[in-house]
């Protein structure tokens, strides 16, 4: 089974790119973040036509939003409000066969790495705190995927020293994410299959990408429960999408499981 995750930065705007990705790479399940559409306006037709007949959409008008689309039957069972303000940032499903698949879009956190000066940064840390409390109670094989908006390792950014005070790579964000990781013993599949310090980026800003300076960050992740991780047989990123017309600033990740 191939499971993919992609922050698409508007599913309606980039529906052609999603169709191309699904046609060329054929994952069994795709988790999208930042779909930026209310649930009643989600573009179902293309997914239905390609056989992704099982869909769980947690959306809102214009911002945020997540969707999990699948060829494999599933049951939607959770929508956590880890932001504590009603924003659509999570949906959880149970795939046929028993795997729990959590699709999450963690807040970016604004530009200033100080919760006193920037409430959005505090919201991001609190979001992770609520996720950590949740993770401490997980008792089933779980895969959590999505845009975490944090690059945890020094080699997960193009220049650690230049970015250590930049939101997404600050020590407090990394510490907070690591507490979430330790709460369940999550296995970071991106670094299990592409070991540090190998190049492994998933996001480039629109401004820097076209300068061909490779100023990337690894903000998107696929983490598995300790008892699920051994069933992962491969993990890769699909960087070609970043060169497509009107691309998302993120690229898809894919993990293949032997279930």
C-alpha atoms as a PDB file:
ATOM      1  CA  UNK A   1       0.000   0.000   0.000  1.00  0.00           C
ATOM      2  CA  UNK A   2       1.326   3.431  -0.985  1.00  0.00           C
ATOM      3  CA  UNK A   3       0.305   6.402   1.158  1.00  0.00           C
ATOM      4  CA  UNK A   4       1.121   9.953   0.089  1.00  0.00           C
ATOM      5  CA  UNK A   5       0.919  13.351   1.775  1.00  0.00           C
ATOM      6  CA  UNK A   6       1.003  16.772   0.117  1.00  0.00           C
ATOM      7  CA  UNK A   7       0.341  20.341   1.210  1.00  0.00           C
ATOM      8  CA  UNK A   8      -1.358  21.384  -2.003  1.00  0.00           C
ATOM      9  CA  UNK A   9      -1.909  25.095  -1.161  1.00  0.00           C
ATOM     10  CA  UNK A  10      -5.454  25.150  -2.652  1.00  0.00           C
ATOM     11  CA  UNK A  11      -6.897  21.959  -4.088  1.00  0.00           C
ATOM     12  CA  UNK A  12      -9.191  23.754  -6.505  1.00  0.00           C
ATOM     13  CA  UNK A  13      -6.430  25.966  -7.892  1.00  0.00           C
ATOM     14  CA  UNK A  14      -4.143  22.963  -8.354  1.00  0.00           C
ATOM     15  CA  UNK A  15      -6.647  20.239  -9.235  1.00  0.00           C
ATOM     16  CA  UNK A  16      -4.770  19.510 -12.489  1.00  0.00           C
ATOM     17  CA  UNK A  17      -1.504  18.983 -10.593  1.00  0.00           C
ATOM     18  CA  UNK A  18      -3.243  16.635  -8.156  1.00  0.00           C
ATOM     19  CA  UNK A  19      -4.708  14.652 -11.056  1.00  0.00           C
ATOM     20  CA  UNK A  20      -1.290  14.421 -12.710  1.00  0.00           C
ATOM     21  CA  UNK A  21       0.328  13.246  -9.480  1.00  0.00           C
ATOM     22  CA  UNK A  22      -2.350  10.616  -8.862  1.00  0.00           C
ATOM     23  CA  UNK A  23      -2.137   9.393 -12.453  1.00  0.00           C
ATOM     24  CA  UNK A  24       1.662   9.198 -12.559  1.00  0.00           C
ATOM     25  CA  UNK A  25       2.329   7.873  -9.030  1.00  0.00           C
ATOM     26  CA  UNK A  26      -0.929   6.066  -8.169  1.00  0.00           C
ATOM     27  CA  UNK A  27      -0.867   6.099  -4.364  1.00  0.00           C
ATOM     28  CA  UNK A  28      -3.617   4.106  -2.695  1.00  0.00           C
ATOM     29  CA  UNK A  29      -4.262   6.972  -0.290  1.00  0.00           C
ATOM     30  CA  UNK A  30      -3.479  10.703  -0.531  1.00  0.00           C
ATOM     31  CA  UNK A  31      -3.599  13.086   2.419  1.00  0.00           C
ATOM     32  CA  UNK A  32      -3.875  16.736   1.406  1.00  0.00           C
ATOM     33  CA  UNK A  33      -3.306  19.777   3.585  1.00  0.00           C
ATOM     34  CA  UNK A  34      -4.190  23.433   3.068  1.00  0.00           C
ATOM     35  CA  UNK A  35      -7.022  22.546   0.719  1.00  0.00           C
ATOM     36  CA  UNK A  36      -8.501  26.047   1.283  1.00  0.00           C
ATOM     37  CA  UNK A  37     -12.079  25.098   0.479  1.00  0.00           C
ATOM     38  CA  UNK A  38     -15.337  24.577   2.323  1.00  0.00           C
ATOM     39  CA  UNK A  39     -16.504  20.985   2.390  1.00  0.00           C
ATOM     40  CA  UNK A  40     -19.522  21.608   0.164  1.00  0.00           C
ATOM     41  CA  UNK A  41     -17.268  23.011  -2.604  1.00  0.00           C
ATOM     42  CA  UNK A  42     -14.629  20.278  -2.581  1.00  0.00           C
ATOM     43  CA  UNK A  43     -13.868  19.102  -6.174  1.00  0.00           C
ATOM     44  CA  UNK A  44     -15.068  15.516  -5.849  1.00  0.00           C
ATOM     45  CA  UNK A  45     -15.448  14.713  -9.549  1.00  0.00           C
ATOM     46  CA  UNK A  46     -11.782  14.172 -10.448  1.00  0.00           C
ATOM     47  CA  UNK A  47     -11.122  11.960  -7.420  1.00  0.00           C
ATOM     48  CA  UNK A  48     -14.219   9.884  -8.164  1.00  0.00           C
ATOM     49  CA  UNK A  49     -13.172   9.479 -11.804  1.00  0.00           C
ATOM     50  CA  UNK A  50      -9.710   8.191 -10.777  1.00  0.00           C
ATOM     51  CA  UNK A  51     -11.136   5.705  -8.295  1.00  0.00           C
ATOM     52  CA  UNK A  52     -10.561   7.599  -5.037  1.00  0.00           C
ATOM     53  CA  UNK A  53     -14.100   6.891  -3.986  1.00  0.00           C
ATOM     54  CA  UNK A  54     -13.501   7.138  -0.229  1.00  0.00           C
ATOM     55  CA  UNK A  55     -13.014  10.711   0.980  1.00  0.00           C
ATOM     56  CA  UNK A  56     -12.879  12.468   4.326  1.00  0.00           C
ATOM     57  CA  UNK A  57     -12.872  16.258   4.042  1.00  0.00           C
ATOM     58  CA  UNK A  58     -12.469  18.685   6.917  1.00  0.00           C
ATOM     59  CA  UNK A  59     -12.525  22.054   5.225  1.00  0.00           C
ATOM     60  CA  UNK A  60     -13.376  25.700   5.659  1.00  0.00           C
ATOM     61  CA  UNK A  61     -13.708  28.648   3.330  1.00  0.00           C
ATOM     62  CA  UNK A  62     -10.435  30.110   2.075  1.00  0.00           C
ATOM     63  CA  UNK A  63      -8.005  28.802   4.676  1.00  0.00           C
ATOM     64  CA  UNK A  64      -6.419  25.650   6.134  1.00  0.00           C
ATOM     65  CA  UNK A  65      -8.355  22.415   5.656  1.00  0.00           C
ATOM     66  CA  UNK A  66      -7.358  18.776   5.183  1.00  0.00           C
ATOM     67  CA  UNK A  67      -8.666  15.939   3.032  1.00  0.00           C
ATOM     68  CA  UNK A  68      -7.884  12.217   2.877  1.00  0.00           C
ATOM     69  CA  UNK A  69      -8.833  10.482  -0.378  1.00  0.00           C
ATOM     70  CA  UNK A  70      -8.474   6.756  -0.873  1.00  0.00           C
ATOM     71  CA  UNK A  71      -9.034   3.788  -3.147  1.00  0.00           C
ATOM     72  CA  UNK A  72      -9.110   1.668   0.012  1.00  0.00           C
ATOM     73  CA  UNK A  73     -12.269   1.729   2.144  1.00  0.00           C
ATOM     74  CA  UNK A  74     -11.970   3.607   5.424  1.00  0.00           C
ATOM     75  CA  UNK A  75     -14.047   4.938   8.277  1.00  0.00           C
ATOM     76  CA  UNK A  76     -13.614   8.537   9.386  1.00  0.00           C
ATOM     77  CA  UNK A  77     -13.503   8.671  13.162  1.00  0.00           C
ATOM     78  CA  UNK A  78     -11.931  11.895  14.437  1.00  0.00           C
ATOM     79  CA  UNK A  79     -11.506  15.615  13.851  1.00  0.00           C
ATOM     80  CA  UNK A  80      -9.352  17.036  16.613  1.00  0.00           C
ATOM     81  CA  UNK A  81      -9.370  20.760  17.279  1.00  0.00           C
ATOM     82  CA  UNK A  82      -5.787  20.959  18.485  1.00  0.00           C
ATOM     83  CA  UNK A  83      -5.817  24.649  17.565  1.00  0.00           C
ATOM     84  CA  UNK A  84      -8.694  25.144  20.050  1.00  0.00           C
ATOM     85  CA  UNK A  85     -10.408  27.692  17.798  1.00  0.00           C
ATOM     86  CA  UNK A  86     -12.387  25.614  15.306  1.00  0.00           C
ATOM     87  CA  UNK A  87      -9.897  25.745  12.427  1.00  0.00           C
ATOM     88  CA  UNK A  88      -9.986  22.721  10.111  1.00  0.00           C
ATOM     89  CA  UNK A  89      -6.552  21.182  10.624  1.00  0.00           C
ATOM     90  CA  UNK A  90      -7.040  17.461  11.228  1.00  0.00           C
ATOM     91  CA  UNK A  91      -8.943  14.405  10.098  1.00  0.00           C
ATOM     92  CA  UNK A  92      -8.386  10.817  11.206  1.00  0.00           C
ATOM     93  CA  UNK A  93      -9.505   7.646   9.441  1.00  0.00           C
ATOM     94  CA  UNK A  94      -9.238   3.915  10.024  1.00  0.00           C
ATOM     95  CA  UNK A  95      -8.247   2.110   6.842  1.00  0.00           C
ATOM     96  CA  UNK A  96      -9.662  -1.291   6.012  1.00  0.00           C
ATOM     97  CA  UNK A  97      -7.211  -3.645   7.673  1.00  0.00           C
ATOM     98  CA  UNK A  98      -6.853  -1.571  10.821  1.00  0.00           C
ATOM     99  CA  UNK A  99      -4.221   1.106  10.214  1.00  0.00           C
ATOM    100  CA  UNK A 100      -5.080   4.478  11.747  1.00  0.00           C
ATOM    101  CA  UNK A 101      -4.142   7.359   9.434  1.00  0.00           C
ATOM    102  CA  UNK A 102      -3.984  10.855  10.915  1.00  0.00           C
ATOM    103  CA  UNK A 103      -3.767  13.827   8.533  1.00  0.00           C
ATOM    104  CA  UNK A 104      -2.664  17.082  10.189  1.00  0.00           C
ATOM    105  CA  UNK A 105      -1.801  20.640   9.221  1.00  0.00           C
ATOM    106  CA  UNK A 106       0.164  22.245  12.061  1.00  0.00           C
ATOM    107  CA  UNK A 107       0.063  26.070  12.113  1.00  0.00           C
ATOM    108  CA  UNK A 108       2.991  27.937  10.572  1.00  0.00           C
ATOM    109  CA  UNK A 109       3.303  30.152  13.634  1.00  0.00           C
ATOM    110  CA  UNK A 110       3.779  33.614  12.145  1.00  0.00           C
ATOM    111  CA  UNK A 111       7.100  35.399  11.697  1.00  0.00           C
ATOM    112  CA  UNK A 112       8.317  36.168  15.248  1.00  0.00           C
ATOM    113  CA  UNK A 113       9.490  33.297  17.459  1.00  0.00           C
ATOM    114  CA  UNK A 114       8.065  34.779  20.667  1.00  0.00           C
ATOM    115  CA  UNK A 115       4.628  33.949  22.042  1.00  0.00           C
ATOM    116  CA  UNK A 116       4.444  37.294  23.901  1.00  0.00           C
ATOM    117  CA  UNK A 117       4.996  39.322  20.731  1.00  0.00           C
ATOM    118  CA  UNK A 118       3.268  36.893  18.368  1.00  0.00           C
ATOM    119  CA  UNK A 119       0.179  34.982  19.539  1.00  0.00           C
ATOM    120  CA  UNK A 120       0.347  32.733  16.455  1.00  0.00           C
ATOM    121  CA  UNK A 121       3.652  31.326  17.673  1.00  0.00           C
ATOM    122  CA  UNK A 122       2.103  30.492  21.023  1.00  0.00           C
ATOM    123  CA  UNK A 123      -0.827  28.828  19.266  1.00  0.00           C
ATOM    124  CA  UNK A 124       1.607  26.628  17.341  1.00  0.00           C
ATOM    125  CA  UNK A 125       3.380  25.479  20.514  1.00  0.00           C
ATOM    126  CA  UNK A 126       0.052  24.877  22.265  1.00  0.00           C
ATOM    127  CA  UNK A 127      -1.228  22.911  19.251  1.00  0.00           C
ATOM    128  CA  UNK A 128       1.784  20.609  19.591  1.00  0.00           C
ATOM    129  CA  UNK A 129       1.197  20.380  23.334  1.00  0.00           C
ATOM    130  CA  UNK A 130      -2.355  19.117  22.781  1.00  0.00           C
ATOM    131  CA  UNK A 131      -1.093  16.667  20.163  1.00  0.00           C
ATOM    132  CA  UNK A 132       1.444  15.395  22.691  1.00  0.00           C
ATOM    133  CA  UNK A 133      -1.256  14.715  25.286  1.00  0.00           C
ATOM    134  CA  UNK A 134      -3.207  12.847  22.608  1.00  0.00           C
ATOM    135  CA  UNK A 135      -0.173  10.848  21.433  1.00  0.00           C
ATOM    136  CA  UNK A 136       0.521   9.665  24.956  1.00  0.00           C
ATOM    137  CA  UNK A 137      -2.740   7.664  24.841  1.00  0.00           C
ATOM    138  CA  UNK A 138      -2.418   6.031  21.386  1.00  0.00           C
ATOM    139  CA  UNK A 139      -2.815   2.257  21.610  1.00  0.00           C
ATOM    140  CA  UNK A 140      -3.152   1.224  17.947  1.00  0.00           C
ATOM    141  CA  UNK A 141      -0.809   1.159  14.905  1.00  0.00           C
ATOM    142  CA  UNK A 142      -0.919   4.723  13.645  1.00  0.00           C
ATOM    143  CA  UNK A 143       0.589   6.754  10.833  1.00  0.00           C
ATOM    144  CA  UNK A 144       0.534  10.528  11.236  1.00  0.00           C
ATOM    145  CA  UNK A 145       1.324  12.595   8.166  1.00  0.00           C
ATOM    146  CA  UNK A 146       1.147  16.164   7.023  1.00  0.00           C
ATOM    147  CA  UNK A 147       2.666  19.604   7.063  1.00  0.00           C
ATOM    148  CA  UNK A 148       4.229  19.898  10.522  1.00  0.00           C
ATOM    149  CA  UNK A 149       5.757  23.310   9.680  1.00  0.00           C
ATOM    150  CA  UNK A 150       8.922  22.359  11.589  1.00  0.00           C
ATOM    151  CA  UNK A 151      12.283  21.197  10.243  1.00  0.00           C
ATOM    152  CA  UNK A 152      13.686  19.371  13.280  1.00  0.00           C
ATOM    153  CA  UNK A 153      17.249  18.416  12.335  1.00  0.00           C
ATOM    154  CA  UNK A 154      20.143  20.718  11.472  1.00  0.00           C
ATOM    155  CA  UNK A 155      20.356  19.019   8.059  1.00  0.00           C
ATOM    156  CA  UNK A 156      16.612  19.517   7.462  1.00  0.00           C
ATOM    157  CA  UNK A 157      17.317  23.090   6.333  1.00  0.00           C
ATOM    158  CA  UNK A 158      19.734  24.529   3.815  1.00  0.00           C
ATOM    159  CA  UNK A 159      21.580  26.598   6.432  1.00  0.00           C
ATOM    160  CA  UNK A 160      21.143  25.767  10.117  1.00  0.00           C
ATOM    161  CA  UNK A 161      23.008  28.809  11.448  1.00  0.00           C
ATOM    162  CA  UNK A 162      21.063  31.205   9.243  1.00  0.00           C
ATOM    163  CA  UNK A 163      17.688  29.751  10.222  1.00  0.00           C
ATOM    164  CA  UNK A 164      18.095  28.954  13.927  1.00  0.00           C
ATOM    165  CA  UNK A 165      16.064  32.051  14.861  1.00  0.00           C
ATOM    166  CA  UNK A 166      13.590  31.662  11.991  1.00  0.00           C
ATOM    167  CA  UNK A 167      10.153  30.198  12.752  1.00  0.00           C
ATOM    168  CA  UNK A 168      10.071  26.523  11.672  1.00  0.00           C
ATOM    169  CA  UNK A 169      13.615  25.765  12.892  1.00  0.00           C
ATOM    170  CA  UNK A 170      13.931  27.443  16.305  1.00  0.00           C
ATOM    171  CA  UNK A 171      15.137  25.397  19.293  1.00  0.00           C
ATOM    172  CA  UNK A 172      11.822  25.742  21.154  1.00  0.00           C
ATOM    173  CA  UNK A 173       9.849  24.411  18.171  1.00  0.00           C
ATOM    174  CA  UNK A 174      12.249  21.488  17.775  1.00  0.00           C
ATOM    175  CA  UNK A 175      12.073  20.723  21.523  1.00  0.00           C
ATOM    176  CA  UNK A 176       8.270  20.879  21.456  1.00  0.00           C
ATOM    177  CA  UNK A 177       8.081  18.605  18.414  1.00  0.00           C
ATOM    178  CA  UNK A 178      10.496  16.160  20.034  1.00  0.00           C
ATOM    179  CA  UNK A 179       8.250  15.941  23.093  1.00  0.00           C
ATOM    180  CA  UNK A 180       5.421  14.952  20.759  1.00  0.00           C
ATOM    181  CA  UNK A 181       7.726  12.393  19.132  1.00  0.00           C
ATOM    182  CA  UNK A 182       8.765  10.897  22.472  1.00  0.00           C
ATOM    183  CA  UNK A 183       5.167  10.697  23.756  1.00  0.00           C
ATOM    184  CA  UNK A 184       4.469   7.775  21.420  1.00  0.00           C
ATOM    185  CA  UNK A 185       7.924   6.779  20.222  1.00  0.00           C
ATOM    186  CA  UNK A 186       7.100   7.887  16.666  1.00  0.00           C
ATOM    187  CA  UNK A 187       9.496   6.737  13.942  1.00  0.00           C
ATOM    188  CA  UNK A 188      10.388   9.501  11.468  1.00  0.00           C
ATOM    189  CA  UNK A 189      10.135   7.579   8.189  1.00  0.00           C
ATOM    190  CA  UNK A 190      11.701  10.427   6.220  1.00  0.00           C
ATOM    191  CA  UNK A 191      14.953   9.966   8.118  1.00  0.00           C
ATOM    192  CA  UNK A 192      14.679   6.201   8.477  1.00  0.00           C
ATOM    193  CA  UNK A 193      14.854   5.827   4.694  1.00  0.00           C
ATOM    194  CA  UNK A 194      16.840   8.974   3.838  1.00  0.00           C
ATOM    195  CA  UNK A 195      19.285   9.114   6.757  1.00  0.00           C
ATOM    196  CA  UNK A 196      20.740  12.378   8.005  1.00  0.00           C
ATOM    197  CA  UNK A 197      22.569  14.296   6.700  1.00  0.00           C
ATOM    198  CA  UNK A 198      21.322  13.332   3.226  1.00  0.00           C
ATOM    199  CA  UNK A 199      19.464  16.073   1.364  1.00  0.00           C
ATOM    200  CA  UNK A 200      15.768  15.787   2.177  1.00  0.00           C
ATOM    201  CA  UNK A 201      13.634  18.907   1.651  1.00  0.00           C
ATOM    202  CA  UNK A 202       9.889  19.233   1.089  1.00  0.00           C
ATOM    203  CA  UNK A 203       9.381  23.009   0.851  1.00  0.00           C
ATOM    204  CA  UNK A 204      10.967  25.943  -0.943  1.00  0.00           C
ATOM    205  CA  UNK A 205       9.609  29.470  -0.819  1.00  0.00           C
ATOM    206  CA  UNK A 206       8.169  30.838  -4.033  1.00  0.00           C
ATOM    207  CA  UNK A 207      10.707  33.680  -3.880  1.00  0.00           C
ATOM    208  CA  UNK A 208      13.845  31.552  -3.522  1.00  0.00           C
ATOM    209  CA  UNK A 209      13.037  28.500  -5.624  1.00  0.00           C
ATOM    210  CA  UNK A 210      13.472  30.159  -8.995  1.00  0.00           C
ATOM    211  CA  UNK A 211      16.896  31.484  -7.979  1.00  0.00           C
ATOM    212  CA  UNK A 212      18.073  27.837  -8.088  1.00  0.00           C
ATOM    213  CA  UNK A 213      19.771  28.132  -4.705  1.00  0.00           C
ATOM    214  CA  UNK A 214      18.074  25.041  -3.242  1.00  0.00           C
ATOM    215  CA  UNK A 215      17.073  26.893  -0.076  1.00  0.00           C
ATOM    216  CA  UNK A 216      14.799  24.110   1.113  1.00  0.00           C
ATOM    217  CA  UNK A 217      13.387  22.938   4.432  1.00  0.00           C
ATOM    218  CA  UNK A 218      11.913  19.571   5.481  1.00  0.00           C
ATOM    219  CA  UNK A 219       8.556  20.716   6.864  1.00  0.00           C
ATOM    220  CA  UNK A 220       6.414  17.749   5.788  1.00  0.00           C
ATOM    221  CA  UNK A 221       6.574  14.442   7.579  1.00  0.00           C
ATOM    222  CA  UNK A 222       5.309  10.871   7.800  1.00  0.00           C
ATOM    223  CA  UNK A 223       5.741   9.338  11.275  1.00  0.00           C
ATOM    224  CA  UNK A 224       4.754   5.795  12.228  1.00  0.00           C
ATOM    225  CA  UNK A 225       4.003   4.022  15.487  1.00  0.00           C
ATOM    226  CA  UNK A 226       6.890   1.812  16.629  1.00  0.00           C
ATOM    227  CA  UNK A 227       4.853  -1.314  15.827  1.00  0.00           C
ATOM    228  CA  UNK A 228       3.876  -0.044  12.352  1.00  0.00           C
ATOM    229  CA  UNK A 229       7.256   1.319  11.247  1.00  0.00           C
ATOM    230  CA  UNK A 230       8.791  -2.098  10.414  1.00  0.00           C
ATOM    231  CA  UNK A 231       6.061  -2.580   7.797  1.00  0.00           C
ATOM    232  CA  UNK A 232       7.259   0.500   5.893  1.00  0.00           C
ATOM    233  CA  UNK A 233       9.314  -0.736   2.925  1.00  0.00           C
ATOM    234  CA  UNK A 234      10.205   2.523   1.197  1.00  0.00           C
ATOM    235  CA  UNK A 235       9.874   6.295   1.445  1.00  0.00           C
ATOM    236  CA  UNK A 236      10.623   8.988  -1.110  1.00  0.00           C
ATOM    237  CA  UNK A 237       9.744  12.540  -2.114  1.00  0.00           C
ATOM    238  CA  UNK A 238       8.463  13.664  -5.525  1.00  0.00           C
ATOM    239  CA  UNK A 239      10.399  16.831  -6.224  1.00  0.00           C
ATOM    240  CA  UNK A 240       9.402  17.101  -9.883  1.00  0.00           C
ATOM    241  CA  UNK A 241       6.041  18.602  -8.855  1.00  0.00           C
ATOM    242  CA  UNK A 242       7.850  21.747  -7.686  1.00  0.00           C
ATOM    243  CA  UNK A 243       8.730  22.479 -11.330  1.00  0.00           C
ATOM    244  CA  UNK A 244       5.203  22.008 -12.665  1.00  0.00           C
ATOM    245  CA  UNK A 245       3.148  24.978 -13.774  1.00  0.00           C
ATOM    246  CA  UNK A 246       1.642  26.966 -10.862  1.00  0.00           C
ATOM    247  CA  UNK A 247       3.107  24.585  -8.276  1.00  0.00           C
ATOM    248  CA  UNK A 248       2.506  24.271  -4.582  1.00  0.00           C
ATOM    249  CA  UNK A 249       5.498  25.406  -2.546  1.00  0.00           C
ATOM    250  CA  UNK A 250       5.483  21.913  -0.955  1.00  0.00           C
ATOM    251  CA  UNK A 251       6.141  18.570  -2.663  1.00  0.00           C
ATOM    252  CA  UNK A 252       4.484  15.186  -2.025  1.00  0.00           C
ATOM    253  CA  UNK A 253       5.989  12.443   0.124  1.00  0.00           C
ATOM    254  CA  UNK A 254       5.180   8.757  -0.376  1.00  0.00           C
ATOM    255  CA  UNK A 255       5.663   5.776   1.932  1.00  0.00           C
ATOM    256  CA  UNK A 256       5.073   2.210   0.782  1.00  0.00           C
ATOM    257  CA  UNK A 257       3.905  -0.348   3.341  1.00  0.00           C
ATOM    258  CA  UNK A 258       3.744  -4.130   3.277  1.00  0.00           C
ATOM    259  CA  UNK A 259       0.571  -4.664   5.290  1.00  0.00           C
END
